[in-house]
């Protein structure tokens, strides 16, 4: 799992809300949470909330070299959950490229760049958990690279239309995927929900909720 932080700007020396963005490398399953600050007391709660929203067990947590993640408190939380903590190499900006690309394509697209006060973290989290994360994983398709060997005997990534699917569909394409799910994950309930709510219907509903959220924040 790749993890990164996104800051929603400062205004008059007041810090804005922070987002924690986490993406599974195999399925591109993505979970976003908001937090007032990235200090220890706030971040540990945010990470616990984030990890709980993944439907499968996490075995590795990879971040950049930021001190908000590389510390004893986060290591203790991950050790308790049997999750390995790794970090990017120094001065290797591409080590966390997957999640950083999603920061722009997902978070900045929907939440913008304008300052959002820290107090908005709670309603933003409600929107993320109730609508946004479900949309990202069950309605919004991602493209998955196909590894081919070039004439020079090197691995090359090819992006083909046939490999475009939602993270949920990608998860279900894994052989015996159910054995990787958390015991309490409501798979049948989710499949029933998706069968009763089309892409257009759910997206329109989410956009309305998103518009009301931003209107309340900036009013």
C-alpha atoms as a PDB file:
ATOM      1  CA  UNK A   1       0.000   0.000   0.000  1.00  0.00           C
ATOM      2  CA  UNK A   2       1.313   3.458  -0.977  1.00  0.00           C
ATOM      3  CA  UNK A   3       0.524   6.401   1.302  1.00  0.00           C
ATOM      4  CA  UNK A   4       0.943  10.167   1.007  1.00  0.00           C
ATOM      5  CA  UNK A   5      -0.346  13.379   2.596  1.00  0.00           C
ATOM      6  CA  UNK A   6      -2.015  16.300   0.832  1.00  0.00           C
ATOM      7  CA  UNK A   7      -2.374  19.724   2.473  1.00  0.00           C
ATOM      8  CA  UNK A   8      -5.315  21.966   1.640  1.00  0.00           C
ATOM      9  CA  UNK A   9      -3.440  25.270   1.872  1.00  0.00           C
ATOM     10  CA  UNK A  10      -2.899  28.002   4.463  1.00  0.00           C
ATOM     11  CA  UNK A  11      -4.790  31.252   4.927  1.00  0.00           C
ATOM     12  CA  UNK A  12      -3.821  34.113   7.260  1.00  0.00           C
ATOM     13  CA  UNK A  13      -1.320  31.823   8.984  1.00  0.00           C
ATOM     14  CA  UNK A  14      -4.068  29.261   9.603  1.00  0.00           C
ATOM     15  CA  UNK A  15      -3.322  25.709   8.481  1.00  0.00           C
ATOM     16  CA  UNK A  16      -5.831  23.960   6.283  1.00  0.00           C
ATOM     17  CA  UNK A  17      -7.175  20.430   6.511  1.00  0.00           C
ATOM     18  CA  UNK A  18      -4.929  17.497   5.566  1.00  0.00           C
ATOM     19  CA  UNK A  19      -5.818  14.423   3.512  1.00  0.00           C
ATOM     20  CA  UNK A  20      -4.221  11.013   3.866  1.00  0.00           C
ATOM     21  CA  UNK A  21      -4.345   9.141   0.560  1.00  0.00           C
ATOM     22  CA  UNK A  22      -3.626   5.398   0.438  1.00  0.00           C
ATOM     23  CA  UNK A  23      -3.629   3.106  -2.610  1.00  0.00           C
ATOM     24  CA  UNK A  24      -3.111  -0.615  -2.958  1.00  0.00           C
ATOM     25  CA  UNK A  25      -0.590  -1.317  -5.724  1.00  0.00           C
ATOM     26  CA  UNK A  26      -2.250  -4.477  -7.041  1.00  0.00           C
ATOM     27  CA  UNK A  27      -5.910  -3.447  -7.257  1.00  0.00           C
ATOM     28  CA  UNK A  28      -5.537   0.367  -7.045  1.00  0.00           C
ATOM     29  CA  UNK A  29      -8.100   0.263  -4.227  1.00  0.00           C
ATOM     30  CA  UNK A  30      -7.967   3.766  -2.779  1.00  0.00           C
ATOM     31  CA  UNK A  31      -9.042   5.203   0.563  1.00  0.00           C
ATOM     32  CA  UNK A  32      -8.901   8.904   1.418  1.00  0.00           C
ATOM     33  CA  UNK A  33      -9.433  10.363   4.894  1.00  0.00           C
ATOM     34  CA  UNK A  34      -9.262  13.908   6.247  1.00  0.00           C
ATOM     35  CA  UNK A  35      -7.617  15.068   9.451  1.00  0.00           C
ATOM     36  CA  UNK A  36      -7.264  18.439  11.159  1.00  0.00           C
ATOM     37  CA  UNK A  37      -3.543  17.997  11.688  1.00  0.00           C
ATOM     38  CA  UNK A  38      -0.822  15.441  11.029  1.00  0.00           C
ATOM     39  CA  UNK A  39       0.503  15.506  14.571  1.00  0.00           C
ATOM     40  CA  UNK A  40       0.587  12.211  16.461  1.00  0.00           C
ATOM     41  CA  UNK A  41      -2.790  12.381  18.229  1.00  0.00           C
ATOM     42  CA  UNK A  42      -4.683  13.203  15.026  1.00  0.00           C
ATOM     43  CA  UNK A  43      -2.712  11.094  12.579  1.00  0.00           C
ATOM     44  CA  UNK A  44      -2.993   7.816  14.478  1.00  0.00           C
ATOM     45  CA  UNK A  45      -6.787   8.111  14.542  1.00  0.00           C
ATOM     46  CA  UNK A  46      -6.814   8.990  10.839  1.00  0.00           C
ATOM     47  CA  UNK A  47      -4.635   5.994   9.951  1.00  0.00           C
ATOM     48  CA  UNK A  48      -6.784   3.635  12.019  1.00  0.00           C
ATOM     49  CA  UNK A  49      -9.865   4.927  10.198  1.00  0.00           C
ATOM     50  CA  UNK A  50      -8.108   4.577   6.845  1.00  0.00           C
ATOM     51  CA  UNK A  51      -6.865   1.018   7.389  1.00  0.00           C
ATOM     52  CA  UNK A  52     -10.293  -0.093   8.603  1.00  0.00           C
ATOM     53  CA  UNK A  53     -11.863   0.912   5.273  1.00  0.00           C
ATOM     54  CA  UNK A  54      -9.758  -1.469   3.181  1.00  0.00           C
ATOM     55  CA  UNK A  55     -11.662  -4.698   2.459  1.00  0.00           C
ATOM     56  CA  UNK A  56      -8.554  -6.876   2.566  1.00  0.00           C
ATOM     57  CA  UNK A  57      -5.614  -7.347   4.886  1.00  0.00           C
ATOM     58  CA  UNK A  58      -2.685  -4.952   4.408  1.00  0.00           C
ATOM     59  CA  UNK A  59       0.823  -6.415   4.550  1.00  0.00           C
ATOM     60  CA  UNK A  60       2.959  -3.349   3.786  1.00  0.00           C
ATOM     61  CA  UNK A  61       2.652   0.391   4.381  1.00  0.00           C
ATOM     62  CA  UNK A  62       4.947   2.468   2.151  1.00  0.00           C
ATOM     63  CA  UNK A  63       5.353   6.229   2.548  1.00  0.00           C
ATOM     64  CA  UNK A  64       7.858   8.942   1.741  1.00  0.00           C
ATOM     65  CA  UNK A  65      10.418  10.082   4.305  1.00  0.00           C
ATOM     66  CA  UNK A  66       8.022  12.453   6.074  1.00  0.00           C
ATOM     67  CA  UNK A  67       8.301  12.444   9.850  1.00  0.00           C
ATOM     68  CA  UNK A  68       4.517  12.150  10.199  1.00  0.00           C
ATOM     69  CA  UNK A  69       4.836   8.503   9.101  1.00  0.00           C
ATOM     70  CA  UNK A  70       8.398   7.531   9.984  1.00  0.00           C
ATOM     71  CA  UNK A  71       8.153   7.549  13.768  1.00  0.00           C
ATOM     72  CA  UNK A  72       7.762   5.163  16.687  1.00  0.00           C
ATOM     73  CA  UNK A  73       4.046   5.782  17.172  1.00  0.00           C
ATOM     74  CA  UNK A  74       3.070   4.886  13.601  1.00  0.00           C
ATOM     75  CA  UNK A  75       5.472   1.924  13.653  1.00  0.00           C
ATOM     76  CA  UNK A  76       3.820   0.642  16.835  1.00  0.00           C
ATOM     77  CA  UNK A  77       0.341   0.942  15.292  1.00  0.00           C
ATOM     78  CA  UNK A  78       1.409  -0.956  12.180  1.00  0.00           C
ATOM     79  CA  UNK A  79       3.284  -3.602  14.169  1.00  0.00           C
ATOM     80  CA  UNK A  80       0.125  -4.256  16.162  1.00  0.00           C
ATOM     81  CA  UNK A  81      -1.678  -4.944  12.878  1.00  0.00           C
ATOM     82  CA  UNK A  82       1.248  -7.013  11.510  1.00  0.00           C
ATOM     83  CA  UNK A  83       1.885  -4.466   8.753  1.00  0.00           C
ATOM     84  CA  UNK A  84       5.427  -3.835   7.539  1.00  0.00           C
ATOM     85  CA  UNK A  85       6.530  -0.181   7.364  1.00  0.00           C
ATOM     86  CA  UNK A  86       8.768   0.852   4.448  1.00  0.00           C
ATOM     87  CA  UNK A  87       9.813   4.233   3.065  1.00  0.00           C
ATOM     88  CA  UNK A  88      10.996   5.758  -0.200  1.00  0.00           C
ATOM     89  CA  UNK A  89      14.680   6.107  -0.969  1.00  0.00           C
ATOM     90  CA  UNK A  90      16.297   9.469  -0.428  1.00  0.00           C
ATOM     91  CA  UNK A  91      16.091  11.761  -3.481  1.00  0.00           C
ATOM     92  CA  UNK A  92      14.097   9.183  -5.483  1.00  0.00           C
ATOM     93  CA  UNK A  93      10.927  11.114  -6.278  1.00  0.00           C
ATOM     94  CA  UNK A  94       9.419   8.302  -8.379  1.00  0.00           C
ATOM     95  CA  UNK A  95       9.329   5.774  -5.535  1.00  0.00           C
ATOM     96  CA  UNK A  96       5.815   6.888  -4.558  1.00  0.00           C
ATOM     97  CA  UNK A  97       4.652   7.866  -8.037  1.00  0.00           C
ATOM     98  CA  UNK A  98       1.369   5.912  -7.976  1.00  0.00           C
ATOM     99  CA  UNK A  99      -0.135   7.683  -4.988  1.00  0.00           C
ATOM    100  CA  UNK A 100       1.315  11.060  -5.991  1.00  0.00           C
ATOM    101  CA  UNK A 101      -0.343  10.803  -9.404  1.00  0.00           C
ATOM    102  CA  UNK A 102      -3.649  10.045  -7.681  1.00  0.00           C
ATOM    103  CA  UNK A 103      -3.201  13.095  -5.454  1.00  0.00           C
ATOM    104  CA  UNK A 104      -3.574  15.269  -8.525  1.00  0.00           C
ATOM    105  CA  UNK A 105      -6.019  13.196 -10.553  1.00  0.00           C
ATOM    106  CA  UNK A 106      -8.342  12.480  -7.631  1.00  0.00           C
ATOM    107  CA  UNK A 107      -7.948  14.746  -4.606  1.00  0.00           C
ATOM    108  CA  UNK A 108      -7.037  18.002  -6.336  1.00  0.00           C
ATOM    109  CA  UNK A 109      -9.665  17.443  -9.006  1.00  0.00           C
ATOM    110  CA  UNK A 110     -12.448  17.077  -6.441  1.00  0.00           C
ATOM    111  CA  UNK A 111     -11.237  19.200  -3.515  1.00  0.00           C
ATOM    112  CA  UNK A 112      -9.280  21.857  -5.422  1.00  0.00           C
ATOM    113  CA  UNK A 113      -6.403  23.983  -4.156  1.00  0.00           C
ATOM    114  CA  UNK A 114      -8.205  26.665  -2.134  1.00  0.00           C
ATOM    115  CA  UNK A 115      -7.762  26.820   1.626  1.00  0.00           C
ATOM    116  CA  UNK A 116     -10.219  24.637   3.558  1.00  0.00           C
ATOM    117  CA  UNK A 117     -10.170  25.165   7.343  1.00  0.00           C
ATOM    118  CA  UNK A 118      -9.254  22.330   9.687  1.00  0.00           C
ATOM    119  CA  UNK A 119     -12.721  22.355  11.232  1.00  0.00           C
ATOM    120  CA  UNK A 120     -14.114  20.914   7.992  1.00  0.00           C
ATOM    121  CA  UNK A 121     -12.299  17.603   8.530  1.00  0.00           C
ATOM    122  CA  UNK A 122     -15.331  15.892  10.101  1.00  0.00           C
ATOM    123  CA  UNK A 123     -17.912  16.607   7.340  1.00  0.00           C
ATOM    124  CA  UNK A 124     -15.274  15.892   4.684  1.00  0.00           C
ATOM    125  CA  UNK A 125     -14.612  12.504   6.280  1.00  0.00           C
ATOM    126  CA  UNK A 126     -18.332  11.763   6.251  1.00  0.00           C
ATOM    127  CA  UNK A 127     -18.416  12.525   2.529  1.00  0.00           C
ATOM    128  CA  UNK A 128     -15.303  10.448   1.854  1.00  0.00           C
ATOM    129  CA  UNK A 129     -16.560   7.403   3.749  1.00  0.00           C
ATOM    130  CA  UNK A 130     -20.180   7.599   2.649  1.00  0.00           C
ATOM    131  CA  UNK A 131     -19.675   8.420  -1.027  1.00  0.00           C
ATOM    132  CA  UNK A 132     -16.229   9.262  -2.347  1.00  0.00           C
ATOM    133  CA  UNK A 133     -14.264   6.116  -1.463  1.00  0.00           C
ATOM    134  CA  UNK A 134     -17.126   3.936  -2.683  1.00  0.00           C
ATOM    135  CA  UNK A 135     -17.162   5.873  -5.961  1.00  0.00           C
ATOM    136  CA  UNK A 136     -13.390   5.547  -6.423  1.00  0.00           C
ATOM    137  CA  UNK A 137     -13.339   1.798  -5.912  1.00  0.00           C
ATOM    138  CA  UNK A 138     -16.621   0.587  -7.364  1.00  0.00           C
ATOM    139  CA  UNK A 139     -17.599   3.108 -10.047  1.00  0.00           C
ATOM    140  CA  UNK A 140     -14.505   4.925 -11.291  1.00  0.00           C
ATOM    141  CA  UNK A 141     -12.361   2.778 -13.642  1.00  0.00           C
ATOM    142  CA  UNK A 142      -8.576   2.718 -13.503  1.00  0.00           C
ATOM    143  CA  UNK A 143      -6.170   1.442 -16.134  1.00  0.00           C
ATOM    144  CA  UNK A 144      -3.776  -1.318 -15.150  1.00  0.00           C
ATOM    145  CA  UNK A 145      -0.383  -1.751 -16.820  1.00  0.00           C
ATOM    146  CA  UNK A 146       0.494  -4.916 -18.681  1.00  0.00           C
ATOM    147  CA  UNK A 147       4.142  -5.955 -18.487  1.00  0.00           C
ATOM    148  CA  UNK A 148       5.667  -7.089 -21.794  1.00  0.00           C
ATOM    149  CA  UNK A 149       9.242  -7.940 -22.726  1.00  0.00           C
ATOM    150  CA  UNK A 150      10.750  -5.687 -25.384  1.00  0.00           C
ATOM    151  CA  UNK A 151      13.138  -6.715 -28.161  1.00  0.00           C
ATOM    152  CA  UNK A 152      15.949  -5.525 -25.901  1.00  0.00           C
ATOM    153  CA  UNK A 153      14.780  -8.000 -23.256  1.00  0.00           C
ATOM    154  CA  UNK A 154      13.543  -5.267 -20.942  1.00  0.00           C
ATOM    155  CA  UNK A 155      10.250  -5.024 -19.106  1.00  0.00           C
ATOM    156  CA  UNK A 156       7.941  -2.411 -20.625  1.00  0.00           C
ATOM    157  CA  UNK A 157       4.558  -1.307 -19.299  1.00  0.00           C
ATOM    158  CA  UNK A 158       1.737  -1.222 -21.837  1.00  0.00           C
ATOM    159  CA  UNK A 159      -1.570   0.443 -21.060  1.00  0.00           C
ATOM    160  CA  UNK A 160      -4.358  -1.219 -23.027  1.00  0.00           C
ATOM    161  CA  UNK A 161      -8.065  -0.410 -23.002  1.00  0.00           C
ATOM    162  CA  UNK A 162      -8.939  -4.021 -22.183  1.00  0.00           C
ATOM    163  CA  UNK A 163      -7.133  -3.613 -18.862  1.00  0.00           C
ATOM    164  CA  UNK A 164      -9.394  -0.770 -17.734  1.00  0.00           C
ATOM    165  CA  UNK A 165     -11.658  -1.687 -14.817  1.00  0.00           C
ATOM    166  CA  UNK A 166     -12.715  -0.571 -11.369  1.00  0.00           C
ATOM    167  CA  UNK A 167     -10.565  -1.551  -8.380  1.00  0.00           C
ATOM    168  CA  UNK A 168     -13.430  -3.743  -7.117  1.00  0.00           C
ATOM    169  CA  UNK A 169     -13.574  -5.623 -10.405  1.00  0.00           C
ATOM    170  CA  UNK A 170      -9.776  -5.959 -10.363  1.00  0.00           C
ATOM    171  CA  UNK A 171      -9.987  -7.365  -6.839  1.00  0.00           C
ATOM    172  CA  UNK A 172     -12.534  -9.961  -7.942  1.00  0.00           C
ATOM    173  CA  UNK A 173     -10.313 -10.973 -10.877  1.00  0.00           C
ATOM    174  CA  UNK A 174      -7.654 -12.267  -8.473  1.00  0.00           C
ATOM    175  CA  UNK A 175      -7.869 -16.071  -8.072  1.00  0.00           C
ATOM    176  CA  UNK A 176      -9.433 -17.010  -4.728  1.00  0.00           C
ATOM    177  CA  UNK A 177      -9.722 -13.327  -3.848  1.00  0.00           C
ATOM    178  CA  UNK A 178     -12.142 -14.022  -0.996  1.00  0.00           C
ATOM    179  CA  UNK A 179      -9.395 -15.574   1.110  1.00  0.00           C
ATOM    180  CA  UNK A 180      -7.684 -12.173   1.228  1.00  0.00           C
ATOM    181  CA  UNK A 181     -10.783 -10.328   2.466  1.00  0.00           C
ATOM    182  CA  UNK A 182     -11.256  -9.312   6.058  1.00  0.00           C
ATOM    183  CA  UNK A 183     -13.637 -11.688   7.859  1.00  0.00           C
ATOM    184  CA  UNK A 184     -16.253  -8.979   8.447  1.00  0.00           C
ATOM    185  CA  UNK A 185     -16.193  -7.465   4.950  1.00  0.00           C
ATOM    186  CA  UNK A 186     -19.823  -7.382   3.641  1.00  0.00           C
ATOM    187  CA  UNK A 187     -19.104  -8.624   0.108  1.00  0.00           C
ATOM    188  CA  UNK A 188     -22.667  -9.696  -0.701  1.00  0.00           C
ATOM    189  CA  UNK A 189     -24.129  -6.450   0.638  1.00  0.00           C
ATOM    190  CA  UNK A 190     -21.742  -4.442  -1.536  1.00  0.00           C
ATOM    191  CA  UNK A 191     -22.555  -6.459  -4.657  1.00  0.00           C
ATOM    192  CA  UNK A 192     -26.277  -6.028  -3.985  1.00  0.00           C
ATOM    193  CA  UNK A 193     -25.827  -2.278  -3.546  1.00  0.00           C
ATOM    194  CA  UNK A 194     -23.891  -1.993  -6.812  1.00  0.00           C
ATOM    195  CA  UNK A 195     -26.505  -3.974  -8.715  1.00  0.00           C
ATOM    196  CA  UNK A 196     -29.195  -1.550  -7.511  1.00  0.00           C
ATOM    197  CA  UNK A 197     -27.283   1.694  -8.142  1.00  0.00           C
ATOM    198  CA  UNK A 198     -25.968   2.461 -11.612  1.00  0.00           C
ATOM    199  CA  UNK A 199     -22.838   4.496 -12.304  1.00  0.00           C
ATOM    200  CA  UNK A 200     -24.839   7.535 -13.391  1.00  0.00           C
ATOM    201  CA  UNK A 201     -27.280   7.389 -10.483  1.00  0.00           C
ATOM    202  CA  UNK A 202     -24.617   7.065  -7.800  1.00  0.00           C
ATOM    203  CA  UNK A 203     -22.306   9.644  -9.373  1.00  0.00           C
ATOM    204  CA  UNK A 204     -25.102  12.201  -9.665  1.00  0.00           C
ATOM    205  CA  UNK A 205     -26.010  11.652  -6.022  1.00  0.00           C
ATOM    206  CA  UNK A 206     -22.378  11.990  -4.956  1.00  0.00           C
ATOM    207  CA  UNK A 207     -21.930  15.206  -6.954  1.00  0.00           C
ATOM    208  CA  UNK A 208     -24.963  16.742  -5.236  1.00  0.00           C
ATOM    209  CA  UNK A 209     -23.599  15.846  -1.795  1.00  0.00           C
ATOM    210  CA  UNK A 210     -20.158  17.147  -2.787  1.00  0.00           C
ATOM    211  CA  UNK A 211     -21.626  20.455  -3.978  1.00  0.00           C
ATOM    212  CA  UNK A 212     -23.528  20.913  -0.707  1.00  0.00           C
ATOM    213  CA  UNK A 213     -20.371  20.093   1.259  1.00  0.00           C
ATOM    214  CA  UNK A 214     -18.295  22.740  -0.517  1.00  0.00           C
ATOM    215  CA  UNK A 215     -21.125  25.269  -0.291  1.00  0.00           C
ATOM    216  CA  UNK A 216     -21.273  24.783   3.484  1.00  0.00           C
ATOM    217  CA  UNK A 217     -17.485  25.039   3.817  1.00  0.00           C
ATOM    218  CA  UNK A 218     -17.159  28.255   1.823  1.00  0.00           C
ATOM    219  CA  UNK A 219     -20.373  29.923   2.975  1.00  0.00           C
END
